[in-house]
PDB file of N, CA and C in Angstrom:
ATOM      1  N   MET A   1      60.079 201.820 -87.309  1.00  0.00           N
ATOM      2  CA  MET A   1      60.971 200.976 -86.395  1.00  0.00           C
ATOM      3  C   MET A   1      60.475 199.549 -86.445  1.00  0.00           C
ATOM      4  N   SER A   2      61.402 198.633 -86.673  1.00  0.00           N
ATOM      5  CA  SER A   2      60.958 197.229 -86.738  1.00  0.00           C
ATOM      6  C   SER A   2      60.857 196.618 -85.381  1.00  0.00           C
ATOM      7  N   THR A   3      60.180 195.550 -85.373  1.00  0.00           N
ATOM      8  CA  THR A   3      59.889 194.788 -84.161  1.00  0.00           C
ATOM      9  C   THR A   3      61.230 194.481 -83.404  1.00  0.00           C
ATOM     10  N   SER A   4      62.213 194.070 -84.222  1.00  0.00           N
ATOM     11  CA  SER A   4      63.509 193.739 -83.524  1.00  0.00           C
ATOM     12  C   SER A   4      64.175 194.947 -82.974  1.00  0.00           C
ATOM     13  N   THR A   5      64.041 196.118 -83.543  1.00  0.00           N
ATOM     14  CA  THR A   5      64.573 197.281 -82.975  1.00  0.00           C
ATOM     15  C   THR A   5      63.913 197.702 -81.672  1.00  0.00           C
ATOM     16  N   LEU A   6      62.632 197.503 -81.665  1.00  0.00           N
ATOM     17  CA  LEU A   6      61.882 197.844 -80.397  1.00  0.00           C
ATOM     18  C   LEU A   6      62.270 196.864 -79.344  1.00  0.00           C
ATOM     19  N   ALA A   7      62.468 195.611 -79.706  1.00  0.00           N
ATOM     20  CA  ALA A   7      62.874 194.617 -78.676  1.00  0.00           C
ATOM     21  C   ALA A   7      64.287 194.987 -78.123  1.00  0.00           C
ATOM     22  N   ARG A   8      65.192 195.400 -78.946  1.00  0.00           N
ATOM     23  CA  ARG A   8      66.487 195.817 -78.484  1.00  0.00           C
ATOM     24  C   ARG A   8      66.359 197.028 -77.593  1.00  0.00           C
ATOM     25  N   VAL A   9      65.533 197.981 -77.967  1.00  0.00           N
ATOM     26  CA  VAL A   9      65.405 199.184 -77.082  1.00  0.00           C
ATOM     27  C   VAL A   9      64.894 198.764 -75.729  1.00  0.00           C
ATOM     28  N   GLN A  10      63.860 197.906 -75.661  1.00  0.00           N
ATOM     29  CA  GLN A  10      63.262 197.430 -74.456  1.00  0.00           C
ATOM     30  C   GLN A  10      64.208 196.827 -73.534  1.00  0.00           C
ATOM     31  N   THR A  11      65.174 196.085 -74.049  1.00  0.00           N
ATOM     32  CA  THR A  11      66.191 195.373 -73.273  1.00  0.00           C
ATOM     33  C   THR A  11      67.587 196.067 -72.988  1.00  0.00           C
ATOM     34  N   ARG A  12      67.856 196.992 -73.892  1.00  0.00           N
ATOM     35  CA  ARG A  12      69.239 197.605 -73.729  1.00  0.00           C
ATOM     36  C   ARG A  12      69.369 199.064 -73.449  1.00  0.00           C
ATOM     37  N   PHE A  13      68.353 199.851 -73.825  1.00  0.00           N
ATOM     38  CA  PHE A  13      68.392 201.274 -73.623  1.00  0.00           C
ATOM     39  C   PHE A  13      68.118 201.515 -72.125  1.00  0.00           C
ATOM     40  N   PRO A  14      69.005 202.259 -71.444  1.00  0.00           N
ATOM     41  CA  PRO A  14      68.780 202.450 -69.986  1.00  0.00           C
ATOM     42  C   PRO A  14      67.672 203.498 -69.783  1.00  0.00           C
ATOM     43  N   SER A  15      66.734 203.134 -68.977  1.00  0.00           N
ATOM     44  CA  SER A  15      65.629 203.987 -68.584  1.00  0.00           C
ATOM     45  C   SER A  15      66.191 205.225 -67.797  1.00  0.00           C
ATOM     46  N   ALA A  16      67.230 204.984 -67.073  1.00  0.00           N
ATOM     47  CA  ALA A  16      67.957 206.076 -66.278  1.00  0.00           C
ATOM     48  C   ALA A  16      68.252 207.219 -67.196  1.00  0.00           C
ATOM     49  N   ALA A  17      68.728 206.929 -68.470  1.00  0.00           N
ATOM     50  CA  ALA A  17      69.073 207.974 -69.346  1.00  0.00           C
ATOM     51  C   ALA A  17      67.874 208.808 -69.768  1.00  0.00           C
ATOM     52  N   ALA A  18      66.683 208.186 -69.919  1.00  0.00           N
ATOM     53  CA  ALA A  18      65.488 208.849 -70.204  1.00  0.00           C
ATOM     54  C   ALA A  18      65.112 209.731 -69.032  1.00  0.00           C
ATOM     55  N   VAL A  19      65.240 209.243 -67.874  1.00  0.00           N
ATOM     56  CA  VAL A  19      64.888 209.987 -66.640  1.00  0.00           C
ATOM     57  C   VAL A  19      65.879 211.300 -66.544  1.00  0.00           C
ATOM     58  N   ALA A  20      67.137 211.051 -66.813  1.00  0.00           N
ATOM     59  CA  ALA A  20      68.087 212.160 -66.736  1.00  0.00           C
ATOM     60  C   ALA A  20      67.799 213.259 -67.780  1.00  0.00           C
ATOM     61  N   VAL A  21      67.578 212.783 -68.993  1.00  0.00           N
ATOM     62  CA  VAL A  21      67.202 213.723 -70.095  1.00  0.00           C
ATOM     63  C   VAL A  21      65.937 214.488 -69.702  1.00  0.00           C
ATOM     64  N   GLY A  22      64.922 213.784 -69.337  1.00  0.00           N
ATOM     65  CA  GLY A  22      63.691 214.417 -68.978  1.00  0.00           C
ATOM     66  C   GLY A  22      63.761 215.511 -67.945  1.00  0.00           C
ATOM     67  N   LEU A  23      64.522 215.243 -66.917  1.00  0.00           N
ATOM     68  CA  LEU A  23      64.676 216.217 -65.826  1.00  0.00           C
ATOM     69  C   LEU A  23      65.614 217.287 -66.148  1.00  0.00           C
ATOM     70  N   ALA A  24      66.874 216.858 -66.511  1.00  0.00           N
ATOM     71  CA  ALA A  24      67.927 217.897 -66.764  1.00  0.00           C
ATOM     72  C   ALA A  24      67.731 218.665 -68.013  1.00  0.00           C
ATOM     73  N   ALA A  25      67.367 217.971 -69.119  1.00  0.00           N
ATOM     74  CA  ALA A  25      67.198 218.811 -70.376  1.00  0.00           C
ATOM     75  C   ALA A  25      65.955 219.546 -70.303  1.00  0.00           C
ATOM     76  N   GLY A  26      64.910 219.012 -69.638  1.00  0.00           N
ATOM     77  CA  GLY A  26      63.701 219.770 -69.395  1.00  0.00           C
ATOM     78  C   GLY A  26      63.969 221.057 -68.706  1.00  0.00           C
ATOM     79  N   PHE A  27      64.788 221.018 -67.624  1.00  0.00           N
ATOM     80  CA  PHE A  27      65.238 222.229 -66.965  1.00  0.00           C
ATOM     81  C   PHE A  27      66.001 223.208 -67.813  1.00  0.00           C
ATOM     82  N   GLY A  28      67.028 222.618 -68.490  1.00  0.00           N
ATOM     83  CA  GLY A  28      67.872 223.466 -69.339  1.00  0.00           C
ATOM     84  C   GLY A  28      67.148 224.165 -70.407  1.00  0.00           C
ATOM     85  N   ILE A  29      66.213 223.466 -71.090  1.00  0.00           N
ATOM     86  CA  ILE A  29      65.444 224.032 -72.203  1.00  0.00           C
ATOM     87  C   ILE A  29      64.541 225.146 -71.556  1.00  0.00           C
ATOM     88  N   ALA A  30      63.848 224.905 -70.441  1.00  0.00           N
ATOM     89  CA  ALA A  30      62.993 225.878 -69.809  1.00  0.00           C
ATOM     90  C   ALA A  30      63.793 227.187 -69.494  1.00  0.00           C
ATOM     91  N   GLN A  31      64.981 226.923 -68.859  1.00  0.00           N
ATOM     92  CA  GLN A  31      65.859 228.059 -68.515  1.00  0.00           C
ATOM     93  C   GLN A  31      66.403 228.784 -69.692  1.00  0.00           C
ATOM     94  N   GLY A  32      66.826 228.093 -70.653  1.00  0.00           N
ATOM     95  CA  GLY A  32      67.573 228.613 -71.819  1.00  0.00           C
ATOM     96  C   GLY A  32      66.587 229.373 -72.696  1.00  0.00           C
ATOM     97  N   THR A  33      65.387 228.905 -72.970  1.00  0.00           N
ATOM     98  CA  THR A  33      64.447 229.555 -73.883  1.00  0.00           C
ATOM     99  C   THR A  33      63.537 230.568 -73.113  1.00  0.00           C
ATOM    100  N   GLY A  34      63.423 230.265 -71.850  1.00  0.00           N
ATOM    101  CA  GLY A  34      62.475 231.117 -70.983  1.00  0.00           C
ATOM    102  C   GLY A  34      61.025 230.650 -71.202  1.00  0.00           C
ATOM    103  N   VAL A  35      60.817 229.536 -71.943  1.00  0.00           N
ATOM    104  CA  VAL A  35      59.530 228.925 -72.150  1.00  0.00           C
ATOM    105  C   VAL A  35      59.286 227.690 -71.279  1.00  0.00           C
ATOM    106  N   ARG A  36      58.708 227.905 -70.139  1.00  0.00           N
ATOM    107  CA  ARG A  36      58.589 226.717 -69.139  1.00  0.00           C
ATOM    108  C   ARG A  36      57.850 225.636 -69.763  1.00  0.00           C
ATOM    109  N   ALA A  37      56.790 225.789 -70.595  1.00  0.00           N
ATOM    110  CA  ALA A  37      55.981 224.819 -71.163  1.00  0.00           C
ATOM    111  C   ALA A  37      56.857 223.942 -72.071  1.00  0.00           C
ATOM    112  N   LEU A  38      57.840 224.489 -72.800  1.00  0.00           N
ATOM    113  CA  LEU A  38      58.718 223.751 -73.684  1.00  0.00           C
ATOM    114  C   LEU A  38      59.524 222.790 -72.764  1.00  0.00           C
ATOM    115  N   GLY A  39      60.001 223.162 -71.632  1.00  0.00           N
ATOM    116  CA  GLY A  39      60.683 222.337 -70.719  1.00  0.00           C
ATOM    117  C   GLY A  39      59.786 221.282 -70.263  1.00  0.00           C
ATOM    118  N   GLY A  40      58.522 221.574 -70.034  1.00  0.00           N
ATOM    119  CA  GLY A  40      57.572 220.596 -69.560  1.00  0.00           C
ATOM    120  C   GLY A  40      57.275 219.575 -70.657  1.00  0.00           C
ATOM    121  N   VAL A  41      57.355 219.814 -71.848  1.00  0.00           N
ATOM    122  CA  VAL A  41      57.231 218.932 -72.935  1.00  0.00           C
ATOM    123  C   VAL A  41      58.384 217.974 -72.923  1.00  0.00           C
ATOM    124  N   VAL A  42      59.548 218.408 -72.699  1.00  0.00           N
ATOM    125  CA  VAL A  42      60.762 217.557 -72.625  1.00  0.00           C
ATOM    126  C   VAL A  42      60.700 216.664 -71.408  1.00  0.00           C
ATOM    127  N   PHE A  43      60.182 217.272 -70.255  1.00  0.00           N
ATOM    128  CA  PHE A  43      59.990 216.441 -69.078  1.00  0.00           C
ATOM    129  C   PHE A  43      58.993 215.349 -69.304  1.00  0.00           C
ATOM    130  N   ALA A  44      57.851 215.693 -69.901  1.00  0.00           N
ATOM    131  CA  ALA A  44      56.813 214.695 -70.138  1.00  0.00           C
ATOM    132  C   ALA A  44      57.381 213.609 -71.097  1.00  0.00           C
ATOM    133  N   ALA A  45      58.067 213.978 -72.162  1.00  0.00           N
ATOM    134  CA  ALA A  45      58.600 213.050 -73.117  1.00  0.00           C
ATOM    135  C   ALA A  45      59.541 212.052 -72.475  1.00  0.00           C
ATOM    136  N   GLY A  46      60.457 212.605 -71.574  1.00  0.00           N
ATOM    137  CA  GLY A  46      61.337 211.734 -70.914  1.00  0.00           C
ATOM    138  C   GLY A  46      60.608 210.700 -69.978  1.00  0.00           C
ATOM    139  N   GLY A  47      59.589 211.193 -69.268  1.00  0.00           N
ATOM    140  CA  GLY A  47      58.811 210.381 -68.385  1.00  0.00           C
ATOM    141  C   GLY A  47      58.071 209.365 -69.128  1.00  0.00           C
ATOM    142  N   LEU A  48      57.498 209.688 -70.246  1.00  0.00           N
ATOM    143  CA  LEU A  48      56.750 208.728 -71.061  1.00  0.00           C
ATOM    144  C   LEU A  48      57.669 207.619 -71.615  1.00  0.00           C
ATOM    145  N   ALA A  49      58.832 208.082 -72.086  1.00  0.00           N
ATOM    146  CA  ALA A  49      59.802 207.100 -72.670  1.00  0.00           C
ATOM    147  C   ALA A  49      60.272 206.161 -71.566  1.00  0.00           C
ATOM    148  N   ALA A  50      60.602 206.731 -70.426  1.00  0.00           N
ATOM    149  CA  ALA A  50      60.998 205.824 -69.303  1.00  0.00           C
ATOM    150  C   ALA A  50      59.924 205.013 -68.849  1.00  0.00           C
ATOM    151  N   GLY A  51      58.694 205.440 -68.721  1.00  0.00           N
ATOM    152  CA  GLY A  51      57.538 204.713 -68.267  1.00  0.00           C
ATOM    153  C   GLY A  51      57.283 203.513 -69.244  1.00  0.00           C
ATOM    154  N   TRP A  52      57.473 203.723 -70.598  1.00  0.00           N
ATOM    155  CA  TRP A  52      57.270 202.674 -71.494  1.00  0.00           C
ATOM    156  C   TRP A  52      58.323 201.580 -71.225  1.00  0.00           C
ATOM    157  N   LEU A  53      59.571 202.000 -71.034  1.00  0.00           N
ATOM    158  CA  LEU A  53      60.543 200.905 -70.690  1.00  0.00           C
ATOM    159  C   LEU A  53      60.263 200.238 -69.459  1.00  0.00           C
ATOM    160  N   TRP A  54      59.849 200.960 -68.374  1.00  0.00           N
ATOM    161  CA  TRP A  54      59.641 200.256 -67.056  1.00  0.00           C
ATOM    162  C   TRP A  54      58.497 199.290 -67.174  1.00  0.00           C
ATOM    163  N   TYR A  55      57.465 199.664 -67.912  1.00  0.00           N
ATOM    164  CA  TYR A  55      56.254 198.844 -68.071  1.00  0.00           C
ATOM    165  C   TYR A  55      56.650 197.433 -68.762  1.00  0.00           C
ATOM    166  N   HIS A  56      57.474 197.625 -69.852  1.00  0.00           N
ATOM    167  CA  HIS A  56      57.816 196.493 -70.592  1.00  0.00           C
ATOM    168  C   HIS A  56      58.856 195.580 -69.844  1.00  0.00           C
ATOM    169  N   ARG A  57      59.637 196.185 -69.055  1.00  0.00           N
ATOM    170  CA  ARG A  57      60.700 195.403 -68.289  1.00  0.00           C
ATOM    171  C   ARG A  57      60.211 194.825 -66.979  1.00  0.00           C
ATOM    172  N   ARG A  58      59.460 195.562 -66.222  1.00  0.00           N
ATOM    173  CA  ARG A  58      59.135 195.252 -64.815  1.00  0.00           C
ATOM    174  C   ARG A  58      57.672 195.206 -64.549  1.00  0.00           C
ATOM    175  N   GLY A  59      56.803 195.616 -65.548  1.00  0.00           N
ATOM    176  CA  GLY A  59      55.321 195.564 -65.223  1.00  0.00           C
ATOM    177  C   GLY A  59      54.710 196.887 -64.841  1.00  0.00           C
ATOM    178  N   ALA A  60      53.437 196.841 -64.686  1.00  0.00           N
ATOM    179  CA  ALA A  60      52.633 198.028 -64.342  1.00  0.00           C
ATOM    180  C   ALA A  60      52.894 198.601 -63.040  1.00  0.00           C
ATOM    181  N   ALA A  61      53.056 197.772 -62.016  1.00  0.00           N
ATOM    182  CA  ALA A  61      53.239 198.243 -60.664  1.00  0.00           C
ATOM    183  C   ALA A  61      54.563 199.024 -60.495  1.00  0.00           C
ATOM    184  N   VAL A  62      55.653 198.379 -61.012  1.00  0.00           N
ATOM    185  CA  VAL A  62      56.904 199.044 -60.958  1.00  0.00           C
ATOM    186  C   VAL A  62      57.012 200.326 -61.831  1.00  0.00           C
ATOM    187  N   ALA A  63      56.299 200.380 -62.921  1.00  0.00           N
ATOM    188  CA  ALA A  63      56.186 201.495 -63.766  1.00  0.00           C
ATOM    189  C   ALA A  63      55.481 202.561 -63.076  1.00  0.00           C
ATOM    190  N   ALA A  64      54.438 202.320 -62.382  1.00  0.00           N
ATOM    191  CA  ALA A  64      53.661 203.308 -61.645  1.00  0.00           C
ATOM    192  C   ALA A  64      54.429 203.844 -60.548  1.00  0.00           C
ATOM    193  N   GLY A  65      55.116 202.987 -59.795  1.00  0.00           N
ATOM    194  CA  GLY A  65      55.952 203.454 -58.623  1.00  0.00           C
ATOM    195  C   GLY A  65      57.035 204.346 -59.132  1.00  0.00           C
ATOM    196  N   LEU A  66      57.842 203.966 -60.239  1.00  0.00           N
ATOM    197  CA  LEU A  66      58.881 204.872 -60.763  1.00  0.00           C
ATOM    198  C   LEU A  66      58.296 206.080 -61.321  1.00  0.00           C
ATOM    199  N   GLY A  67      57.162 205.986 -61.898  1.00  0.00           N
ATOM    200  CA  GLY A  67      56.535 207.176 -62.423  1.00  0.00           C
ATOM    201  C   GLY A  67      56.286 208.179 -61.299  1.00  0.00           C
ATOM    202  N   VAL A  68      55.744 207.729 -60.231  1.00  0.00           N
ATOM    203  CA  VAL A  68      55.592 208.595 -59.095  1.00  0.00           C
ATOM    204  C   VAL A  68      56.899 209.184 -58.595  1.00  0.00           C
ATOM    205  N   ALA A  69      57.856 208.432 -58.479  1.00  0.00           N
ATOM    206  CA  ALA A  69      59.182 208.904 -58.118  1.00  0.00           C
ATOM    207  C   ALA A  69      59.725 209.934 -59.067  1.00  0.00           C
ATOM    208  N   TYR A  70      59.467 209.813 -60.362  1.00  0.00           N
ATOM    209  CA  TYR A  70      59.877 210.789 -61.402  1.00  0.00           C
ATOM    210  C   TYR A  70      59.216 212.153 -61.140  1.00  0.00           C
ATOM    211  N   VAL A  71      57.905 212.043 -60.967  1.00  0.00           N
ATOM    212  CA  VAL A  71      57.142 213.345 -60.688  1.00  0.00           C
ATOM    213  C   VAL A  71      57.658 213.870 -59.340  1.00  0.00           C
ATOM    214  N   ALA A  72      57.862 213.049 -58.360  1.00  0.00           N
ATOM    215  CA  ALA A  72      58.300 213.510 -57.059  1.00  0.00           C
ATOM    216  C   ALA A  72      59.693 214.179 -57.198  1.00  0.00           C
ATOM    217  N   ALA A  73      60.526 213.705 -58.044  1.00  0.00           N
ATOM    218  CA  ALA A  73      61.789 214.436 -58.238  1.00  0.00           C
ATOM    219  C   ALA A  73      61.658 215.766 -58.879  1.00  0.00           C
ATOM    220  N   PHE A  74      60.649 215.938 -59.734  1.00  0.00           N
ATOM    221  CA  PHE A  74      60.362 217.236 -60.335  1.00  0.00           C
ATOM    222  C   PHE A  74      59.908 218.190 -59.268  1.00  0.00           C
ATOM    223  N   VAL A  75      59.033 217.710 -58.437  1.00  0.00           N
ATOM    224  CA  VAL A  75      58.439 218.507 -57.350  1.00  0.00           C
ATOM    225  C   VAL A  75      59.581 218.866 -56.381  1.00  0.00           C
ATOM    226  N   GLY A  76      60.325 217.827 -56.036  1.00  0.00           N
ATOM    227  CA  GLY A  76      61.470 217.986 -55.129  1.00  0.00           C
ATOM    228  C   GLY A  76      62.432 219.043 -55.550  1.00  0.00           C
ATOM    229  N   ALA A  77      62.699 219.089 -56.813  1.00  0.00           N
ATOM    230  CA  ALA A  77      63.643 220.141 -57.312  1.00  0.00           C
ATOM    231  C   ALA A  77      63.061 221.532 -57.096  1.00  0.00           C
ATOM    232  N   HIS A  78      61.744 221.620 -57.290  1.00  0.00           N
ATOM    233  CA  HIS A  78      61.124 223.001 -57.015  1.00  0.00           C
ATOM    234  C   HIS A  78      61.135 223.314 -55.503  1.00  0.00           C
ATOM    235  N   VAL A  79      60.841 222.270 -54.649  1.00  0.00           N
ATOM    236  CA  VAL A  79      60.902 222.585 -53.240  1.00  0.00           C
ATOM    237  C   VAL A  79      62.290 223.000 -52.784  1.00  0.00           C
ATOM    238  N   LEU A  80      63.372 222.254 -53.316  1.00  0.00           N
ATOM    239  CA  LEU A  80      64.749 222.590 -52.911  1.00  0.00           C
ATOM    240  C   LEU A  80      65.084 223.956 -53.405  1.00  0.00           C
ATOM    241  N   ALA A  81      64.681 224.301 -54.609  1.00  0.00           N
ATOM    242  CA  ALA A  81      65.096 225.623 -55.160  1.00  0.00           C
ATOM    243  C   ALA A  81      64.325 226.744 -54.540  1.00  0.00           C
ATOM    244  N   LEU A  82      62.978 226.660 -54.525  1.00  0.00           N
ATOM    245  CA  LEU A  82      62.131 227.735 -54.179  1.00  0.00           C
ATOM    246  C   LEU A  82      61.889 227.799 -52.629  1.00  0.00           C
ATOM    247  N   GLY A  83      61.833 226.596 -52.033  1.00  0.00           N
ATOM    248  CA  GLY A  83      61.439 226.548 -50.594  1.00  0.00           C
ATOM    249  C   GLY A  83      62.729 226.666 -49.699  1.00  0.00           C
ATOM    250  N   VAL A  84      63.771 225.880 -50.142  1.00  0.00           N
ATOM    251  CA  VAL A  84      64.927 225.829 -49.331  1.00  0.00           C
ATOM    252  C   VAL A  84      66.036 226.899 -49.727  1.00  0.00           C
ATOM    253  N   GLY A  85      65.958 227.251 -50.958  1.00  0.00           N
ATOM    254  CA  GLY A  85      66.834 228.295 -51.443  1.00  0.00           C
ATOM    255  C   GLY A  85      68.080 227.902 -52.114  1.00  0.00           C
ATOM    256  N   TRP A  86      68.095 226.550 -52.546  1.00  0.00           N
ATOM    257  CA  TRP A  86      69.193 226.059 -53.228  1.00  0.00           C
ATOM    258  C   TRP A  86      69.161 226.757 -54.680  1.00  0.00           C
ATOM    259  N   PRO A  87      70.365 226.806 -55.274  1.00  0.00           N
ATOM    260  CA  PRO A  87      70.386 227.246 -56.652  1.00  0.00           C
ATOM    261  C   PRO A  87      69.575 226.226 -57.527  1.00  0.00           C
ATOM    262  N   ALA A  88      68.880 226.695 -58.501  1.00  0.00           N
ATOM    263  CA  ALA A  88      68.034 225.767 -59.315  1.00  0.00           C
ATOM    264  C   ALA A  88      68.904 224.635 -59.978  1.00  0.00           C
ATOM    265  N   TRP A  89      69.983 224.998 -60.478  1.00  0.00           N
ATOM    266  CA  TRP A  89      70.825 223.931 -61.179  1.00  0.00           C
ATOM    267  C   TRP A  89      71.298 222.871 -60.172  1.00  0.00           C
ATOM    268  N   LEU A  90      71.548 223.246 -58.957  1.00  0.00           N
ATOM    269  CA  LEU A  90      71.962 222.220 -57.961  1.00  0.00           C
ATOM    270  C   LEU A  90      70.793 221.371 -57.567  1.00  0.00           C
ATOM    271  N   ALA A  91      69.666 221.956 -57.354  1.00  0.00           N
ATOM    272  CA  ALA A  91      68.461 221.195 -57.010  1.00  0.00           C
ATOM    273  C   ALA A  91      68.094 220.220 -58.087  1.00  0.00           C
ATOM    274  N   VAL A  92      68.123 220.684 -59.338  1.00  0.00           N
ATOM    275  CA  VAL A  92      67.786 219.790 -60.520  1.00  0.00           C
ATOM    276  C   VAL A  92      68.942 218.641 -60.549  1.00  0.00           C
ATOM    277  N   GLY A  93      70.106 218.994 -60.364  1.00  0.00           N
ATOM    278  CA  GLY A  93      71.179 218.011 -60.404  1.00  0.00           C
ATOM    279  C   GLY A  93      71.095 216.947 -59.404  1.00  0.00           C
ATOM    280  N   VAL A  94      70.695 217.315 -58.134  1.00  0.00           N
ATOM    281  CA  VAL A  94      70.577 216.372 -57.010  1.00  0.00           C
ATOM    282  C   VAL A  94      69.374 215.420 -57.310  1.00  0.00           C
ATOM    283  N   VAL A  95      68.236 215.945 -57.666  1.00  0.00           N
ATOM    284  CA  VAL A  95      67.093 215.096 -57.871  1.00  0.00           C
ATOM    285  C   VAL A  95      67.185 214.214 -59.183  1.00  0.00           C
ATOM    286  N   THR A  96      67.948 214.691 -60.143  1.00  0.00           N
ATOM    287  CA  THR A  96      68.249 214.024 -61.378  1.00  0.00           C
ATOM    288  C   THR A  96      69.069 212.771 -61.031  1.00  0.00           C
ATOM    289  N   ALA A  97      70.115 213.016 -60.273  1.00  0.00           N
ATOM    290  CA  ALA A  97      71.016 211.922 -59.834  1.00  0.00           C
ATOM    291  C   ALA A  97      70.251 210.881 -59.075  1.00  0.00           C
ATOM    292  N   ALA A  98      69.393 211.308 -58.024  1.00  0.00           N
ATOM    293  CA  ALA A  98      68.684 210.417 -57.368  1.00  0.00           C
ATOM    294  C   ALA A  98      67.701 209.589 -58.113  1.00  0.00           C
ATOM    295  N   ALA A  99      66.920 210.269 -58.952  1.00  0.00           N
ATOM    296  CA  ALA A  99      65.893 209.485 -59.739  1.00  0.00           C
ATOM    297  C   ALA A  99      66.484 208.647 -60.761  1.00  0.00           C
ATOM    298  N   SER A 100      67.579 209.031 -61.347  1.00  0.00           N
ATOM    299  CA  SER A 100      68.247 208.183 -62.320  1.00  0.00           C
ATOM    300  C   SER A 100      68.861 206.982 -61.571  1.00  0.00           C
ATOM    301  N   ALA A 101      69.459 207.131 -60.399  1.00  0.00           N
ATOM    302  CA  ALA A 101      69.994 205.979 -59.787  1.00  0.00           C
ATOM    303  C   ALA A 101      68.900 204.970 -59.341  1.00  0.00           C
ATOM    304  N   LEU A 102      67.730 205.562 -58.999  1.00  0.00           N
ATOM    305  CA  LEU A 102      66.562 204.694 -58.468  1.00  0.00           C
ATOM    306  C   LEU A 102      66.125 203.879 -59.703  1.00  0.00           C
ATOM    307  N   ALA A 103      65.951 204.588 -60.958  1.00  0.00           N
ATOM    308  CA  ALA A 103      65.591 203.893 -62.146  1.00  0.00           C
ATOM    309  C   ALA A 103      66.586 202.814 -62.577  1.00  0.00           C
ATOM    310  N   TRP A 104      67.857 203.075 -62.436  1.00  0.00           N
ATOM    311  CA  TRP A 104      68.880 202.059 -62.782  1.00  0.00           C
ATOM    312  C   TRP A 104      68.704 200.903 -61.812  1.00  0.00           C
ATOM    313  N   ALA A 105      68.644 201.195 -60.524  1.00  0.00           N
ATOM    314  CA  ALA A 105      68.583 200.064 -59.516  1.00  0.00           C
ATOM    315  C   ALA A 105      67.365 199.212 -59.681  1.00  0.00           C
ATOM    316  N   VAL A 106      66.254 199.807 -59.987  1.00  0.00           N
ATOM    317  CA  VAL A 106      64.990 199.019 -60.097  1.00  0.00           C
ATOM    318  C   VAL A 106      64.745 198.386 -61.431  1.00  0.00           C
ATOM    319  N   ALA A 107      65.044 199.171 -62.475  1.00  0.00           N
ATOM    320  CA  ALA A 107      64.666 198.681 -63.778  1.00  0.00           C
ATOM    321  C   ALA A 107      65.726 198.364 -64.848  1.00  0.00           C
ATOM    322  N   ASP A 108      67.007 198.943 -64.570  1.00  0.00           N
ATOM    323  CA  ASP A 108      67.977 198.749 -65.523  1.00  0.00           C
ATOM    324  C   ASP A 108      69.136 197.792 -65.140  1.00  0.00           C
ATOM    325  N   ARG A 109      69.316 197.669 -63.850  1.00  0.00           N
ATOM    326  CA  ARG A 109      70.408 196.891 -63.439  1.00  0.00           C
ATOM    327  C   ARG A 109      70.270 195.439 -63.902  1.00  0.00           C
ATOM    328  N   PRO A 110      71.366 194.872 -64.458  1.00  0.00           N
ATOM    329  CA  PRO A 110      71.241 193.427 -64.920  1.00  0.00           C
ATOM    330  C   PRO A 110      71.068 192.526 -63.729  1.00  0.00           C
ATOM    331  N   ALA A 111      70.252 191.506 -63.948  1.00  0.00           N
ATOM    332  CA  ALA A 111      69.980 190.510 -62.850  1.00  0.00           C
ATOM    333  C   ALA A 111      71.314 189.900 -62.414  1.00  0.00           C
ATOM    334  N   SER A 112      71.561 189.713 -61.169  1.00  0.00           N
ATOM    335  CA  SER A 112      72.762 189.114 -60.566  1.00  0.00           C
ATOM    336  C   SER A 112      72.832 187.743 -60.985  1.00  0.00           C
ATOM    337  N   VAL A 113      73.975 187.268 -61.285  1.00  0.00           N
ATOM    338  CA  VAL A 113      74.236 185.876 -61.777  1.00  0.00           C
ATOM    339  C   VAL A 113      74.806 185.233 -60.488  1.00  0.00           C
ATOM    340  N   GLY A 114      74.100 184.197 -60.075  1.00  0.00           N
ATOM    341  CA  GLY A 114      74.645 183.557 -58.834  1.00  0.00           C
ATOM    342  C   GLY A 114      73.984 182.336 -58.546  1.00  0.00           C
TER     343      GLY A 114
END
C-alpha cells in the first residue's frame, strides 16, 4: 500500500464501518461457524482497524476512549443477551448501532463549517 493510499484511508474510510464489522460480523461468524474464537479474531481486527483510524485522526486519548467504548459494547451485548434475556441478534444490533454512532460522532463526522 502506498503512502497516498494510507493517507486516503486515514481521512476517508469511516471508522464506524470498522466498528460495525468488528461487532456484527464477529457475532455472525461466531454464531455461524460455532467457533467463538474465530468471531473474536474478527472483533479484534475490527477494533484494531478502528483504533488505528481514531489514533491518526483524533489522537491517543480519543482512541483510548473509543477503544474502551468498543469493548464495553461487546460486554454490553453479552449482558443484554445473557443477563437481561434479549435475543443475541437484538443485543448485538443495539450495541453495534450505538458504538458505530459514537465512533461516527467523535471521529468520523466532518468538521462543521461555520
